[in-house]
Amino acid sequence: NPHNVYVASRLGIPRINILPSHLFSGDHKGPQIGLRPENI
């Protein structure tokens, strides 16, 4: 439950993927989507 991209990027190997959310279809809740490798 990181508060921001900076915190999200501090933990996790490999690092979290930060991507434009429009790359994926669906109802997006923000312009950037964060995907841990295990959540792809």
PDB file of all heavy atoms in Angstrom:
ATOM      1  N   ASN A   1       0.825  -1.199   0.000  1.00  0.00           N
ATOM      2  CA  ASN A   1       0.000   0.000   0.000  1.00  0.00           C
ATOM      3  C   ASN A   1       0.868   1.262   0.000  1.00  0.00           C
ATOM      4  O   ASN A   1       0.772   2.105   0.899  1.00  0.00           O
ATOM      5  CB  ASN A   1      -0.923  -0.011   1.227  1.00  0.00           C
ATOM      6  CG  ASN A   1      -1.971   1.082   1.175  1.00  0.00           C
ATOM      7  OD1 ASN A   1      -2.396   1.510   0.105  1.00  0.00           O
ATOM      8  ND2 ASN A   1      -2.391   1.539   2.348  1.00  0.00           N
ATOM      9  N   PRO A   2       1.722   1.431  -1.015  1.00  0.00           N
ATOM     10  CA  PRO A   2       2.609   2.607  -1.053  1.00  0.00           C
ATOM     11  C   PRO A   2       1.820   3.882  -1.315  1.00  0.00           C
ATOM     12  O   PRO A   2       0.833   3.873  -2.051  1.00  0.00           O
ATOM     13  CB  PRO A   2       3.553   2.290  -2.219  1.00  0.00           C
ATOM     14  CG  PRO A   2       2.731   1.419  -3.127  1.00  0.00           C
ATOM     15  CD  PRO A   2       1.883   0.579  -2.214  1.00  0.00           C
ATOM     16  N   HIS A   3       2.279   4.986  -0.733  1.00  0.00           N
ATOM     17  CA  HIS A   3       1.571   6.256  -0.893  1.00  0.00           C
ATOM     18  C   HIS A   3       1.854   6.932  -2.227  1.00  0.00           C
ATOM     19  O   HIS A   3       1.061   7.764  -2.676  1.00  0.00           O
ATOM     20  CB  HIS A   3       1.959   7.214   0.235  1.00  0.00           C
ATOM     21  CG  HIS A   3       1.410   6.798   1.566  1.00  0.00           C
ATOM     22  ND1 HIS A   3       1.693   7.475   2.734  1.00  0.00           N
ATOM     23  CD2 HIS A   3       0.587   5.768   1.915  1.00  0.00           C
ATOM     24  CE1 HIS A   3       1.067   6.885   3.742  1.00  0.00           C
ATOM     25  NE2 HIS A   3       0.403   5.848   3.269  1.00  0.00           N
ATOM     26  N   ASN A   4       2.989   6.607  -2.829  1.00  0.00           N
ATOM     27  CA  ASN A   4       3.334   7.258  -4.094  1.00  0.00           C
ATOM     28  C   ASN A   4       4.308   6.380  -4.886  1.00  0.00           C
ATOM     29  O   ASN A   4       4.739   5.319  -4.414  1.00  0.00           O
ATOM     30  CB  ASN A   4       3.934   8.656  -3.847  1.00  0.00           C
ATOM     31  CG  ASN A   4       5.105   8.631  -2.880  1.00  0.00           C
ATOM     32  OD1 ASN A   4       5.966   7.767  -2.953  1.00  0.00           O
ATOM     33  ND2 ASN A   4       5.135   9.581  -1.960  1.00  0.00           N
ATOM     34  N   VAL A   5       4.634   6.837  -6.091  1.00  0.00           N
ATOM     35  CA  VAL A   5       5.517   6.073  -6.973  1.00  0.00           C
ATOM     36  C   VAL A   5       6.897   5.909  -6.342  1.00  0.00           C
ATOM     37  O   VAL A   5       7.521   4.840  -6.449  1.00  0.00           O
ATOM     38  CB  VAL A   5       5.620   6.755  -8.358  1.00  0.00           C
ATOM     39  CG1 VAL A   5       6.762   6.155  -9.180  1.00  0.00           C
ATOM     40  CG2 VAL A   5       4.301   6.614  -9.113  1.00  0.00           C
ATOM     41  N   TYR A   6       7.392   6.956  -5.674  1.00  0.00           N
ATOM     42  CA  TYR A   6       8.715   6.884  -5.060  1.00  0.00           C
ATOM     43  C   TYR A   6       8.787   5.732  -4.053  1.00  0.00           C
ATOM     44  O   TYR A   6       9.701   4.912  -4.087  1.00  0.00           O
ATOM     45  CB  TYR A   6       9.043   8.209  -4.373  1.00  0.00           C
ATOM     46  CG  TYR A   6      10.363   8.202  -3.619  1.00  0.00           C
ATOM     47  CD1 TYR A   6      11.559   8.451  -4.276  1.00  0.00           C
ATOM     48  CD2 TYR A   6      10.391   7.942  -2.246  1.00  0.00           C
ATOM     49  CE1 TYR A   6      12.768   8.432  -3.581  1.00  0.00           C
ATOM     50  CE2 TYR A   6      11.590   7.920  -1.557  1.00  0.00           C
ATOM     51  CZ  TYR A   6      12.774   8.168  -2.234  1.00  0.00           C
ATOM     52  OH  TYR A   6      13.966   8.147  -1.548  1.00  0.00           O
ATOM     53  N   VAL A   7       7.805   5.656  -3.165  1.00  0.00           N
ATOM     54  CA  VAL A   7       7.786   4.593  -2.157  1.00  0.00           C
ATOM     55  C   VAL A   7       7.609   3.233  -2.823  1.00  0.00           C
ATOM     56  O   VAL A   7       8.291   2.263  -2.476  1.00  0.00           O
ATOM     57  CB  VAL A   7       6.667   4.844  -1.127  1.00  0.00           C
ATOM     58  CG1 VAL A   7       6.523   3.648  -0.186  1.00  0.00           C
ATOM     59  CG2 VAL A   7       6.942   6.113  -0.330  1.00  0.00           C
ATOM     60  N   ALA A   8       6.714   3.159  -3.799  1.00  0.00           N
ATOM     61  CA  ALA A   8       6.466   1.888  -4.495  1.00  0.00           C
ATOM     62  C   ALA A   8       7.736   1.356  -5.147  1.00  0.00           C
ATOM     63  O   ALA A   8       7.958   0.145  -5.209  1.00  0.00           O
ATOM     64  CB  ALA A   8       5.376   2.076  -5.545  1.00  0.00           C
ATOM     65  N   SER A   9       8.589   2.260  -5.612  1.00  0.00           N
ATOM     66  CA  SER A   9       9.806   1.867  -6.316  1.00  0.00           C
ATOM     67  C   SER A   9      10.940   1.481  -5.382  1.00  0.00           C
ATOM     68  O   SER A   9      11.946   0.928  -5.829  1.00  0.00           O
ATOM     69  CB  SER A   9      10.274   3.007  -7.237  1.00  0.00           C
ATOM     70  OG  SER A   9       9.289   3.308  -8.208  1.00  0.00           O
ATOM     71  N   ARG A  10      10.797   1.773  -4.093  1.00  0.00           N
ATOM     72  CA  ARG A  10      11.864   1.463  -3.131  1.00  0.00           C
ATOM     73  C   ARG A  10      11.882  -0.010  -2.745  1.00  0.00           C
ATOM     74  O   ARG A  10      12.890  -0.534  -2.303  1.00  0.00           O
ATOM     75  CB  ARG A  10      11.716   2.321  -1.862  1.00  0.00           C
ATOM     76  CG  ARG A  10      11.867   3.814  -2.110  1.00  0.00           C
ATOM     77  CD  ARG A  10      13.272   4.329  -1.863  1.00  0.00           C
ATOM     78  NE  ARG A  10      14.270   3.856  -2.788  1.00  0.00           N
ATOM     79  CZ  ARG A  10      14.511   4.398  -3.977  1.00  0.00           C
ATOM     80  NH1 ARG A  10      13.805   5.411  -4.406  1.00  0.00           N
ATOM     81  NH2 ARG A  10      15.473   3.931  -4.740  1.00  0.00           N
ATOM     82  N   LEU A  11      10.716  -0.681  -2.824  1.00  0.00           N
ATOM     83  CA  LEU A  11      10.628  -2.078  -2.415  1.00  0.00           C
ATOM     84  C   LEU A  11      10.159  -2.942  -3.570  1.00  0.00           C
ATOM     85  O   LEU A  11       9.283  -2.546  -4.339  1.00  0.00           O
ATOM     86  CB  LEU A  11       9.659  -2.239  -1.241  1.00  0.00           C
ATOM     87  CG  LEU A  11      10.065  -1.606   0.094  1.00  0.00           C
ATOM     88  CD1 LEU A  11       8.983  -1.848   1.131  1.00  0.00           C
ATOM     89  CD2 LEU A  11      11.396  -2.147   0.587  1.00  0.00           C
ATOM     90  N   GLY A  12      10.720  -4.132  -3.653  1.00  0.00           N
ATOM     91  CA  GLY A  12      10.327  -5.073  -4.682  1.00  0.00           C
ATOM     92  C   GLY A  12      11.430  -5.361  -5.670  1.00  0.00           C
ATOM     93  O   GLY A  12      12.030  -4.442  -6.231  1.00  0.00           O
ATOM     94  N   ILE A  13      11.748  -6.643  -5.848  1.00  0.00           N
ATOM     95  CA  ILE A  13      12.737  -7.083  -6.831  1.00  0.00           C
ATOM     96  C   ILE A  13      12.094  -8.156  -7.690  1.00  0.00           C
ATOM     97  O   ILE A  13      11.679  -9.193  -7.172  1.00  0.00           O
ATOM     98  CB  ILE A  13      14.003  -7.662  -6.159  1.00  0.00           C
ATOM     99  CG1 ILE A  13      14.684  -6.593  -5.296  1.00  0.00           C
ATOM    100  CG2 ILE A  13      14.992  -8.164  -7.197  1.00  0.00           C
ATOM    101  CD1 ILE A  13      15.871  -7.136  -4.506  1.00  0.00           C
ATOM    102  N   PRO A  14      11.972  -7.908  -9.006  1.00  0.00           N
ATOM    103  CA  PRO A  14      12.274  -6.684  -9.740  1.00  0.00           C
ATOM    104  C   PRO A  14      11.374  -5.528  -9.301  1.00  0.00           C
ATOM    105  O   PRO A  14      10.340  -5.728  -8.676  1.00  0.00           O
ATOM    106  CB  PRO A  14      11.984  -7.066 -11.203  1.00  0.00           C
ATOM    107  CG  PRO A  14      11.950  -8.563 -11.218  1.00  0.00           C
ATOM    108  CD  PRO A  14      11.473  -8.980  -9.877  1.00  0.00           C
ATOM    109  N   ARG A  15      11.754  -4.322  -9.705  1.00  0.00           N
ATOM    110  CA  ARG A  15      10.999  -3.141  -9.320  1.00  0.00           C
ATOM    111  C   ARG A  15       9.612  -3.147  -9.944  1.00  0.00           C
ATOM    112  O   ARG A  15       9.364  -3.778 -10.975  1.00  0.00           O
ATOM    113  CB  ARG A  15      11.739  -1.873  -9.758  1.00  0.00           C
ATOM    114  CG  ARG A  15      12.983  -1.585  -8.958  1.00  0.00           C
ATOM    115  CD  ARG A  15      13.669  -0.330  -9.449  1.00  0.00           C
ATOM    116  NE  ARG A  15      12.819   0.847  -9.327  1.00  0.00           N
ATOM    117  CZ  ARG A  15      13.232   2.085  -9.601  1.00  0.00           C
ATOM    118  NH1 ARG A  15      14.464   2.298 -10.039  1.00  0.00           N
ATOM    119  NH2 ARG A  15      12.405   3.096  -9.462  1.00  0.00           N
ATOM    120  N   ILE A  16       8.721  -2.392  -9.325  1.00  0.00           N
ATOM    121  CA  ILE A  16       7.385  -2.226  -9.847  1.00  0.00           C
ATOM    122  C   ILE A  16       7.438  -1.577 -11.230  1.00  0.00           C
ATOM    123  O   ILE A  16       8.305  -0.737 -11.506  1.00  0.00           O
ATOM    124  CB  ILE A  16       6.527  -1.378  -8.875  1.00  0.00           C
ATOM    125  CG1 ILE A  16       5.055  -1.395  -9.286  1.00  0.00           C
ATOM    126  CG2 ILE A  16       7.069   0.045  -8.774  1.00  0.00           C
ATOM    127  CD1 ILE A  16       4.142  -0.770  -8.242  1.00  0.00           C
ATOM    128  N   ASN A  17       6.553  -1.984 -12.114  1.00  0.00           N
ATOM    129  CA  ASN A  17       6.445  -1.374 -13.439  1.00  0.00           C
ATOM    130  C   ASN A  17       5.470  -0.199 -13.360  1.00  0.00           C
ATOM    131  O   ASN A  17       4.310  -0.371 -12.972  1.00  0.00           O
ATOM    132  CB  ASN A  17       5.904  -2.399 -14.448  1.00  0.00           C
ATOM    133  CG  ASN A  17       6.823  -3.610 -14.589  1.00  0.00           C
ATOM    134  OD1 ASN A  17       7.862  -3.544 -15.224  1.00  0.00           O
ATOM    135  ND2 ASN A  17       6.416  -4.725 -13.979  1.00  0.00           N
ATOM    136  N   ILE A  18       5.933   0.986 -13.685  1.00  0.00           N
ATOM    137  CA  ILE A  18       5.077   2.179 -13.727  1.00  0.00           C
ATOM    138  C   ILE A  18       4.837   2.519 -15.190  1.00  0.00           C
ATOM    139  O   ILE A  18       5.778   2.843 -15.930  1.00  0.00           O
ATOM    140  CB  ILE A  18       5.711   3.374 -12.992  1.00  0.00           C
ATOM    141  CG1 ILE A  18       6.046   2.983 -11.539  1.00  0.00           C
ATOM    142  CG2 ILE A  18       4.782   4.587 -13.037  1.00  0.00           C
ATOM    143  CD1 ILE A  18       4.852   2.665 -10.676  1.00  0.00           C
ATOM    144  N   LEU A  19       3.571   2.463 -15.620  1.00  0.00           N
ATOM    145  CA  LEU A  19       3.229   2.584 -17.032  1.00  0.00           C
ATOM    146  C   LEU A  19       2.042   3.512 -17.214  1.00  0.00           C
ATOM    147  O   LEU A  19       1.229   3.688 -16.292  1.00  0.00           O
ATOM    148  CB  LEU A  19       2.863   1.198 -17.596  1.00  0.00           C
ATOM    149  CG  LEU A  19       3.910   0.096 -17.475  1.00  0.00           C
ATOM    150  CD1 LEU A  19       3.263  -1.266 -17.661  1.00  0.00           C
ATOM    151  CD2 LEU A  19       5.029   0.322 -18.480  1.00  0.00           C
ATOM    152  N   PRO A  20       1.911   4.117 -18.408  1.00  0.00           N
ATOM    153  CA  PRO A  20       0.675   4.858 -18.700  1.00  0.00           C
ATOM    154  C   PRO A  20      -0.504   3.885 -18.672  1.00  0.00           C
ATOM    155  O   PRO A  20      -0.451   2.819 -19.288  1.00  0.00           O
ATOM    156  CB  PRO A  20       0.919   5.415 -20.102  1.00  0.00           C
ATOM    157  CG  PRO A  20       2.403   5.363 -20.300  1.00  0.00           C
ATOM    158  CD  PRO A  20       2.872   4.182 -19.523  1.00  0.00           C
ATOM    159  N   SER A  21      -1.548   4.245 -17.974  1.00  0.00           N
ATOM    160  CA  SER A  21      -2.662   3.302 -17.820  1.00  0.00           C
ATOM    161  C   SER A  21      -3.409   3.056 -19.122  1.00  0.00           C
ATOM    162  O   SER A  21      -4.054   2.012 -19.279  1.00  0.00           O
ATOM    163  CB  SER A  21      -3.634   3.803 -16.745  1.00  0.00           C
ATOM    164  OG  SER A  21      -4.098   5.104 -17.043  1.00  0.00           O
ATOM    165  N   HIS A  22      -3.289   3.987 -20.104  1.00  0.00           N
ATOM    166  CA  HIS A  22      -4.017   3.821 -21.362  1.00  0.00           C
ATOM    167  C   HIS A  22      -3.481   2.650 -22.201  1.00  0.00           C
ATOM    168  O   HIS A  22      -4.110   2.248 -23.184  1.00  0.00           O
ATOM    169  CB  HIS A  22      -3.998   5.115 -22.183  1.00  0.00           C
ATOM    170  CG  HIS A  22      -2.647   5.504 -22.702  1.00  0.00           C
ATOM    171  ND1 HIS A  22      -2.012   4.847 -23.739  1.00  0.00           N
ATOM    172  CD2 HIS A  22      -1.799   6.496 -22.309  1.00  0.00           C
ATOM    173  CE1 HIS A  22      -0.847   5.403 -23.984  1.00  0.00           C
ATOM    174  NE2 HIS A  22      -0.684   6.408 -23.124  1.00  0.00           N
ATOM    175  N   LEU A  23      -2.330   2.101 -21.804  1.00  0.00           N
ATOM    176  CA  LEU A  23      -1.803   0.943 -22.532  1.00  0.00           C
ATOM    177  C   LEU A  23      -2.714  -0.278 -22.375  1.00  0.00           C
ATOM    178  O   LEU A  23      -2.661  -1.199 -23.189  1.00  0.00           O
ATOM    179  CB  LEU A  23      -0.396   0.596 -22.032  1.00  0.00           C
ATOM    180  CG  LEU A  23       0.702   1.637 -22.292  1.00  0.00           C
ATOM    181  CD1 LEU A  23       2.001   1.193 -21.643  1.00  0.00           C
ATOM    182  CD2 LEU A  23       0.897   1.866 -23.777  1.00  0.00           C
ATOM    183  N   PHE A  24      -3.511  -0.275 -21.307  1.00  0.00           N
ATOM    184  CA  PHE A  24      -4.419  -1.389 -21.059  1.00  0.00           C
ATOM    185  C   PHE A  24      -5.856  -0.907 -21.193  1.00  0.00           C
ATOM    186  O   PHE A  24      -6.173   0.249 -20.888  1.00  0.00           O
ATOM    187  CB  PHE A  24      -4.201  -1.966 -19.654  1.00  0.00           C
ATOM    188  CG  PHE A  24      -2.818  -2.474 -19.411  1.00  0.00           C
ATOM    189  CD1 PHE A  24      -1.863  -1.678 -18.810  1.00  0.00           C
ATOM    190  CD2 PHE A  24      -2.458  -3.762 -19.799  1.00  0.00           C
ATOM    191  CE1 PHE A  24      -0.580  -2.138 -18.586  1.00  0.00           C
ATOM    192  CE2 PHE A  24      -1.176  -4.236 -19.576  1.00  0.00           C
ATOM    193  CZ  PHE A  24      -0.230  -3.426 -18.982  1.00  0.00           C
ATOM    194  N   SER A  25      -6.734  -1.780 -21.628  1.00  0.00           N
ATOM    195  CA  SER A  25      -8.144  -1.436 -21.730  1.00  0.00           C
ATOM    196  C   SER A  25      -8.784  -1.503 -20.345  1.00  0.00           C
ATOM    197  O   SER A  25      -8.228  -2.087 -19.411  1.00  0.00           O
ATOM    198  CB  SER A  25      -8.867  -2.400 -22.678  1.00  0.00           C
ATOM    199  OG  SER A  25      -8.748  -3.734 -22.191  1.00  0.00           O
ATOM    200  N   GLY A  26      -9.940  -0.875 -20.187  1.00  0.00           N
ATOM    201  CA  GLY A  26     -10.653  -0.941 -18.922  1.00  0.00           C
ATOM    202  C   GLY A  26     -10.893   0.423 -18.326  1.00  0.00           C
ATOM    203  O   GLY A  26     -10.534   1.463 -18.910  1.00  0.00           O
ATOM    204  N   ASP A  27     -11.495   0.443 -17.145  1.00  0.00           N
ATOM    205  CA  ASP A  27     -11.837   1.670 -16.441  1.00  0.00           C
ATOM    206  C   ASP A  27     -10.654   2.077 -15.562  1.00  0.00           C
ATOM    207  O   ASP A  27     -10.414   1.486 -14.512  1.00  0.00           O
ATOM    208  CB  ASP A  27     -13.090   1.439 -15.585  1.00  0.00           C
ATOM    209  CG  ASP A  27     -13.511   2.694 -14.842  1.00  0.00           C
ATOM    210  OD1 ASP A  27     -13.139   3.798 -15.276  1.00  0.00           O
ATOM    211  OD2 ASP A  27     -14.216   2.558 -13.814  1.00  0.00           O
ATOM    212  N   HIS A  28      -9.898   3.088 -15.995  1.00  0.00           N
ATOM    213  CA  HIS A  28      -8.685   3.483 -15.291  1.00  0.00           C
ATOM    214  C   HIS A  28      -8.988   4.525 -14.218  1.00  0.00           C
ATOM    215  O   HIS A  28      -9.770   5.443 -14.434  1.00  0.00           O
ATOM    216  CB  HIS A  28      -7.653   4.018 -16.286  1.00  0.00           C
ATOM    217  CG  HIS A  28      -7.325   3.033 -17.371  1.00  0.00           C
ATOM    218  ND1 HIS A  28      -6.919   1.761 -17.098  1.00  0.00           N
ATOM    219  CD2 HIS A  28      -7.380   3.145 -18.729  1.00  0.00           C
ATOM    220  CE1 HIS A  28      -6.716   1.111 -18.235  1.00  0.00           C
ATOM    221  NE2 HIS A  28      -7.001   1.929 -19.237  1.00  0.00           N
ATOM    222  N   LYS A  29      -8.322   4.377 -13.086  1.00  0.00           N
ATOM    223  CA  LYS A  29      -8.563   5.264 -11.945  1.00  0.00           C
ATOM    224  C   LYS A  29      -7.462   6.290 -11.787  1.00  0.00           C
ATOM    225  O   LYS A  29      -7.419   7.005 -10.776  1.00  0.00           O
ATOM    226  CB  LYS A  29      -8.724   4.429 -10.681  1.00  0.00           C
ATOM    227  CG  LYS A  29      -9.888   3.440 -10.773  1.00  0.00           C
ATOM    228  CD  LYS A  29      -9.931   2.516  -9.593  1.00  0.00           C
ATOM    229  CE  LYS A  29     -11.155   1.605  -9.650  1.00  0.00           C
ATOM    230  NZ  LYS A  29     -11.137   0.708 -10.824  1.00  0.00           N
ATOM    231  N   GLY A  30      -6.557   6.348 -12.735  1.00  0.00           N
ATOM    232  CA  GLY A  30      -5.478   7.323 -12.713  1.00  0.00           C
ATOM    233  C   GLY A  30      -4.664   7.209 -13.979  1.00  0.00           C
ATOM    234  O   GLY A  30      -4.711   6.180 -14.665  1.00  0.00           O
ATOM    235  N   PRO A  31      -3.890   8.240 -14.307  1.00  0.00           N
ATOM    236  CA  PRO A  31      -3.124   8.223 -15.555  1.00  0.00           C
ATOM    237  C   PRO A  31      -1.932   7.279 -15.557  1.00  0.00           C
ATOM    238  O   PRO A  31      -1.421   6.924 -16.614  1.00  0.00           O
ATOM    239  CB  PRO A  31      -2.657   9.675 -15.702  1.00  0.00           C
ATOM    240  CG  PRO A  31      -2.644  10.210 -14.311  1.00  0.00           C
ATOM    241  CD  PRO A  31      -3.760   9.532 -13.595  1.00  0.00           C
ATOM    242  N   GLN A  32      -1.473   6.860 -14.359  1.00  0.00           N
ATOM    243  CA  GLN A  32      -0.350   5.922 -14.267  1.00  0.00           C
ATOM    244  C   GLN A  32      -0.804   4.660 -13.532  1.00  0.00           C
ATOM    245  O   GLN A  32      -1.533   4.734 -12.539  1.00  0.00           O
ATOM    246  CB  GLN A  32       0.832   6.534 -13.520  1.00  0.00           C
ATOM    247  CG  GLN A  32       1.445   7.748 -14.189  1.00  0.00           C
ATOM    248  CD  GLN A  32       2.722   8.171 -13.493  1.00  0.00           C
ATOM    249  OE1 GLN A  32       3.805   7.681 -13.785  1.00  0.00           O
ATOM    250  NE2 GLN A  32       2.613   9.095 -12.553  1.00  0.00           N
ATOM    251  N   ILE A  33      -0.367   3.528 -14.029  1.00  0.00           N
ATOM    252  CA  ILE A  33      -0.684   2.250 -13.406  1.00  0.00           C
ATOM    253  C   ILE A  33       0.603   1.614 -12.896  1.00  0.00           C
ATOM    254  O   ILE A  33       1.645   1.663 -13.559  1.00  0.00           O
ATOM    255  CB  ILE A  33      -1.411   1.322 -14.416  1.00  0.00           C
ATOM    256  CG1 ILE A  33      -1.947   0.062 -13.723  1.00  0.00           C
ATOM    257  CG2 ILE A  33      -0.504   0.942 -15.580  1.00  0.00           C
ATOM    258  CD1 ILE A  33      -2.835  -0.781 -14.620  1.00  0.00           C
ATOM    259  N   GLY A  34       0.543   1.074 -11.690  1.00  0.00           N
ATOM    260  CA  GLY A  34       1.693   0.391 -11.114  1.00  0.00           C
ATOM    261  C   GLY A  34       1.436  -1.097 -11.043  1.00  0.00           C
ATOM    262  O   GLY A  34       0.438  -1.528 -10.445  1.00  0.00           O
ATOM    263  N   LEU A  35       2.327  -1.866 -11.649  1.00  0.00           N
ATOM    264  CA  LEU A  35       2.158  -3.319 -11.692  1.00  0.00           C
ATOM    265  C   LEU A  35       3.416  -3.993 -11.135  1.00  0.00           C
ATOM    266  O   LEU A  35       4.506  -3.897 -11.719  1.00  0.00           O
ATOM    267  CB  LEU A  35       1.930  -3.798 -13.128  1.00  0.00           C
ATOM    268  CG  LEU A  35       0.563  -3.486 -13.754  1.00  0.00           C
ATOM    269  CD1 LEU A  35       0.558  -3.876 -15.224  1.00  0.00           C
ATOM    270  CD2 LEU A  35      -0.533  -4.216 -13.009  1.00  0.00           C
ATOM    271  N   ARG A  36       3.255  -4.660  -9.988  1.00  0.00           N
ATOM    272  CA  ARG A  36       4.330  -5.514  -9.523  1.00  0.00           C
ATOM    273  C   ARG A  36       4.492  -6.667 -10.507  1.00  0.00           C
ATOM    274  O   ARG A  36       3.510  -7.109 -11.119  1.00  0.00           O
ATOM    275  CB  ARG A  36       3.997  -6.081  -8.139  1.00  0.00           C
ATOM    276  CG  ARG A  36       3.802  -5.048  -7.033  1.00  0.00           C
ATOM    277  CD  ARG A  36       5.105  -4.516  -6.542  1.00  0.00           C
ATOM    278  NE  ARG A  36       4.927  -3.607  -5.406  1.00  0.00           N
ATOM    279  CZ  ARG A  36       5.889  -2.815  -4.953  1.00  0.00           C
ATOM    280  NH1 ARG A  36       7.080  -2.826  -5.540  1.00  0.00           N
ATOM    281  NH2 ARG A  36       5.677  -2.010  -3.933  1.00  0.00           N
ATOM    282  N   PRO A  37       5.706  -7.170 -10.692  1.00  0.00           N
ATOM    283  CA  PRO A  37       5.896  -8.271 -11.654  1.00  0.00           C
ATOM    284  C   PRO A  37       4.977  -9.462 -11.409  1.00  0.00           C
ATOM    285  O   PRO A  37       4.514 -10.094 -12.357  1.00  0.00           O
ATOM    286  CB  PRO A  37       7.369  -8.639 -11.457  1.00  0.00           C
ATOM    287  CG  PRO A  37       8.013  -7.374 -11.014  1.00  0.00           C
ATOM    288  CD  PRO A  37       6.989  -6.701 -10.145  1.00  0.00           C
ATOM    289  N   GLU A  38       4.700  -9.740 -10.123  1.00  0.00           N
ATOM    290  CA  GLU A  38       3.835 -10.882  -9.821  1.00  0.00           C
ATOM    291  C   GLU A  38       2.360 -10.577 -10.092  1.00  0.00           C
ATOM    292  O   GLU A  38       1.510 -11.475 -10.019  1.00  0.00           O
ATOM    293  CB  GLU A  38       4.017 -11.323  -8.366  1.00  0.00           C
ATOM    294  CG  GLU A  38       3.559 -10.316  -7.328  1.00  0.00           C
ATOM    295  CD  GLU A  38       4.629  -9.343  -6.890  1.00  0.00           C
ATOM    296  OE1 GLU A  38       5.604  -9.160  -7.646  1.00  0.00           O
ATOM    297  OE2 GLU A  38       4.495  -8.780  -5.791  1.00  0.00           O
ATOM    298  N   ASN A  39       2.034  -9.305 -10.391  1.00  0.00           N
ATOM    299  CA  ASN A  39       0.647  -8.921 -10.665  1.00  0.00           C
ATOM    300  C   ASN A  39       0.379  -8.699 -12.149  1.00  0.00           C
ATOM    301  O   ASN A  39      -0.565  -7.999 -12.519  1.00  0.00           O
ATOM    302  CB  ASN A  39       0.281  -7.665  -9.875  1.00  0.00           C
ATOM    303  CG  ASN A  39       0.149  -7.946  -8.386  1.00  0.00           C
ATOM    304  OD1 ASN A  39      -0.045  -9.084  -7.988  1.00  0.00           O
ATOM    305  ND2 ASN A  39       0.271  -6.924  -7.579  1.00  0.00           N
ATOM    306  N   ILE A  40       1.206  -9.272 -12.986  1.00  0.00           N
ATOM    307  CA  ILE A  40       0.972  -9.248 -14.432  1.00  0.00           C
ATOM    308  C   ILE A  40       0.516 -10.637 -14.859  1.00  0.00           C
ATOM    309  O   ILE A  40       1.192 -11.634 -14.598  1.00  0.00           O
ATOM    310  CB  ILE A  40       2.244  -8.834 -15.191  1.00  0.00           C
ATOM    311  CG1 ILE A  40       2.618  -7.381 -14.832  1.00  0.00           C
ATOM    312  CG2 ILE A  40       2.040  -8.980 -16.699  1.00  0.00           C
ATOM    313  CD1 ILE A  40       3.921  -6.923 -15.447  1.00  0.00           C
TER     314      ILE A  40
END
